[in-house]
Every structure is written in C-alpha cells, then in structure tokens.
Amino acid sequence: MPYFHVWFATKYRKWLLQGDVLDEARRLLSEIASEKRIELLECEAIVDHVHLVLSLSDKAQLPNAMMNLKGVSARRLFERFPELKLDAHTNNFWQIGYGSKIVSPNALSTTKRYIRTQWGRLEKYDR
C-alpha cells in the first residue's frame, strides 16, 4: 500500500486552527477517516494548514479521500462553530486543492516525525 503525505490550508491561509477549533479539526479528521475507511496514520493541524499521512491502496483513491476529509470536516466545523464563517469572511473553510507526495516506506517515520513537530516551527509564520 502506498503512503501519501498530504497538506492543505485554510481559506486565505487564515489562522483559524487554534484553541477549540484546532482540537475539533483534529478530532473530526480522525473521525471522518474512520467513518470513510481511510487509513490515517498521522495528522497535525497548525494555525492555517493541516498535514496528514494516509495509507491508501492506490493513488486513484486520493482525490475521493481528500474530498471526504476536507468536505465533511468543513461542514462539521461550520456547524459546530458558526461564527467561523464571519471570522473567515467566506463560506469555505479550506482552500481549493491540496498538495501530496508519495512517501516511501523507508521515509515514513521521518515524514511522520516532521508532521508531529509542526508546532516547533511556528515561529516561521507571520500573521
């Protein structure tokens, strides 16, 4: 099974992923992955973007997995935090699209560590 490092951002790279919203986004992504039978190996969200490691049977599954993860999480986040639409000045929580890269089994632990340590690199972000 191939592994995929996937990343995507909030709309306009707004710093929406903080506090309760951050906690809920992490929880929702895990919950949705489980509901949709997507193997989520790593997940971290940091102020304006998310990194995931997914294990899928083939690359053709990636667009559908991402549609489910981003679409369902956005809808549920707006239901739970309706004020986010005002804060973000948009009806979309996530930007269109995502980045992805196939991760070799040899690089999996390094990629997962990179994702887990995102908050250690927060200082490189300007508001």
Protein backbone atom coordinates (compact mmCIF):
# COMPACT_ATOMS: atom_id res chain seq x y z
CA MET A 1 0.00 0.00 0.00
CA PRO A 2 1.41 3.40 -0.87
CA TYR A 3 1.71 6.12 1.74
CA PHE A 4 0.82 9.73 0.99
CA HIS A 5 1.91 12.90 2.75
CA VAL A 6 -0.93 15.36 2.14
CA TRP A 7 -1.24 19.00 3.13
CA PHE A 8 -3.90 21.67 2.69
CA ALA A 9 -4.65 25.13 4.05
CA THR A 10 -7.50 27.14 5.44
CA LYS A 11 -9.17 29.57 3.05
CA TYR A 12 -6.92 32.61 2.54
CA ARG A 13 -4.45 30.96 4.96
CA LYS A 14 -6.43 32.50 7.84
CA TRP A 15 -5.28 31.47 11.30
CA LEU A 16 -8.48 29.57 12.11
CA LEU A 17 -6.91 26.42 13.55
CA GLN A 18 -6.41 27.47 17.16
CA GLY A 19 -7.96 26.55 20.51
CA ASP A 20 -11.22 24.62 20.36
CA VAL A 21 -11.34 24.83 16.55
CA LEU A 22 -7.91 23.20 16.32
CA ASP A 23 -8.90 20.41 18.69
CA GLU A 24 -12.16 19.82 16.85
CA ALA A 25 -10.48 19.81 13.42
CA ARG A 26 -8.03 17.12 14.56
CA ARG A 27 -10.82 15.08 16.11
CA LEU A 28 -13.04 15.41 13.04
CA LEU A 29 -10.33 14.40 10.59
CA SER A 30 -9.72 11.24 12.62
CA GLU A 31 -13.42 10.54 12.96
CA ILE A 32 -14.12 11.06 9.25
CA ALA A 33 -11.16 8.90 8.24
CA SER A 34 -12.57 6.12 10.41
CA GLU A 35 -16.11 6.56 9.04
CA LYS A 36 -14.90 6.52 5.43
CA ARG A 37 -12.40 3.69 6.00
CA ILE A 38 -9.42 5.90 5.19
CA GLU A 39 -6.26 4.80 6.98
CA LEU A 40 -4.99 7.95 8.68
CA LEU A 41 -1.50 7.32 10.09
CA GLU A 42 -0.60 10.84 11.17
CA CYS A 43 -2.45 14.14 11.49
CA GLU A 44 -1.41 17.57 12.67
CA ALA A 45 -3.03 20.94 12.19
CA ILE A 46 -1.20 24.21 12.80
CA VAL A 47 -2.87 27.63 12.70
CA ASP A 48 -3.52 27.75 8.92
CA HIS A 49 -2.84 24.30 7.47
CA VAL A 50 -3.00 20.55 8.02
CA HIS A 51 -0.56 17.72 7.32
CA LEU A 52 -1.68 14.09 7.04
CA VAL A 53 -0.16 10.74 6.25
CA LEU A 54 -2.61 8.39 4.58
CA SER A 55 -2.23 4.79 3.57
CA LEU A 56 -4.37 4.03 0.52
CA SER A 57 -4.50 1.01 -1.77
CA ASP A 58 -3.57 3.18 -4.77
CA LYS A 59 -3.17 6.80 -5.88
CA ALA A 60 -6.59 6.77 -7.58
CA GLN A 61 -8.21 6.77 -4.13
CA LEU A 62 -6.55 10.02 -3.05
CA PRO A 63 -8.96 12.54 -4.65
CA ASN A 64 -12.00 10.84 -3.12
CA ALA A 65 -10.33 10.53 0.28
CA MET A 66 -9.46 14.22 0.25
CA MET A 67 -12.94 15.24 -0.91
CA ASN A 68 -14.36 13.36 2.07
CA LEU A 69 -11.83 14.60 4.62
CA LYS A 70 -11.96 18.26 3.58
CA GLY A 71 -15.64 18.47 2.63
CA VAL A 72 -17.10 16.72 5.63
CA SER A 73 -14.73 18.38 8.12
CA ALA A 74 -15.52 21.85 6.75
CA ARG A 75 -19.26 21.27 7.01
CA ARG A 76 -18.99 19.92 10.56
CA LEU A 77 -16.64 22.69 11.70
CA PHE A 78 -19.06 25.36 10.44
CA GLU A 79 -21.95 23.56 12.17
CA ARG A 80 -20.02 23.42 15.45
CA PHE A 81 -18.54 26.95 15.15
CA PRO A 82 -20.93 29.04 13.01
CA GLU A 83 -19.01 32.23 13.86
CA LEU A 84 -16.10 30.91 11.76
CA LYS A 85 -17.90 31.98 8.59
CA LEU A 86 -17.79 35.55 9.86
CA ASP A 87 -14.20 35.27 11.10
CA ALA A 88 -13.00 33.77 7.81
CA HIS A 89 -15.15 36.05 5.62
CA THR A 90 -16.01 33.05 3.46
CA ASN A 91 -18.36 30.11 3.13
CA ASN A 92 -15.39 27.77 2.62
CA PHE A 93 -13.22 26.60 5.47
CA TRP A 94 -10.46 25.05 3.32
CA GLN A 95 -8.72 26.38 0.22
CA ILE A 96 -9.40 24.53 -3.02
CA GLY A 97 -6.96 21.72 -3.67
CA TYR A 98 -4.20 20.08 -1.69
CA GLY A 99 -0.59 19.06 -2.06
CA SER A 100 0.52 15.46 -1.93
CA LYS A 101 3.62 13.38 -2.20
CA ILE A 102 4.11 9.62 -2.21
CA VAL A 103 6.19 8.56 0.79
CA SER A 104 8.42 5.51 0.55
CA PRO A 105 8.24 3.03 3.43
CA ASN A 106 11.85 4.00 4.30
CA ALA A 107 10.85 7.66 4.70
CA LEU A 108 7.60 7.04 6.59
CA SER A 109 8.97 7.54 10.11
CA THR A 110 10.80 10.73 9.08
CA THR A 111 7.65 12.13 7.46
CA LYS A 112 5.54 11.30 10.49
CA ARG A 113 8.09 12.99 12.79
CA TYR A 114 8.08 16.08 10.53
CA ILE A 115 4.28 16.25 10.82
CA ARG A 116 4.28 15.72 14.60
CA THR A 117 6.77 18.58 15.08
CA GLN A 118 4.92 21.25 13.09
CA TRP A 119 4.30 23.41 16.16
CA GLY A 120 8.05 23.62 16.75
CA ARG A 121 8.33 25.58 13.50
CA LEU A 122 5.51 28.04 14.26
CA GLU A 123 7.91 30.99 14.54
CA LYS A 124 8.45 30.95 10.76
CA TYR A 125 4.83 32.02 10.23
CA ASP A 126 3.83 35.66 10.16
CA ARG A 127 0.29 36.65 10.78
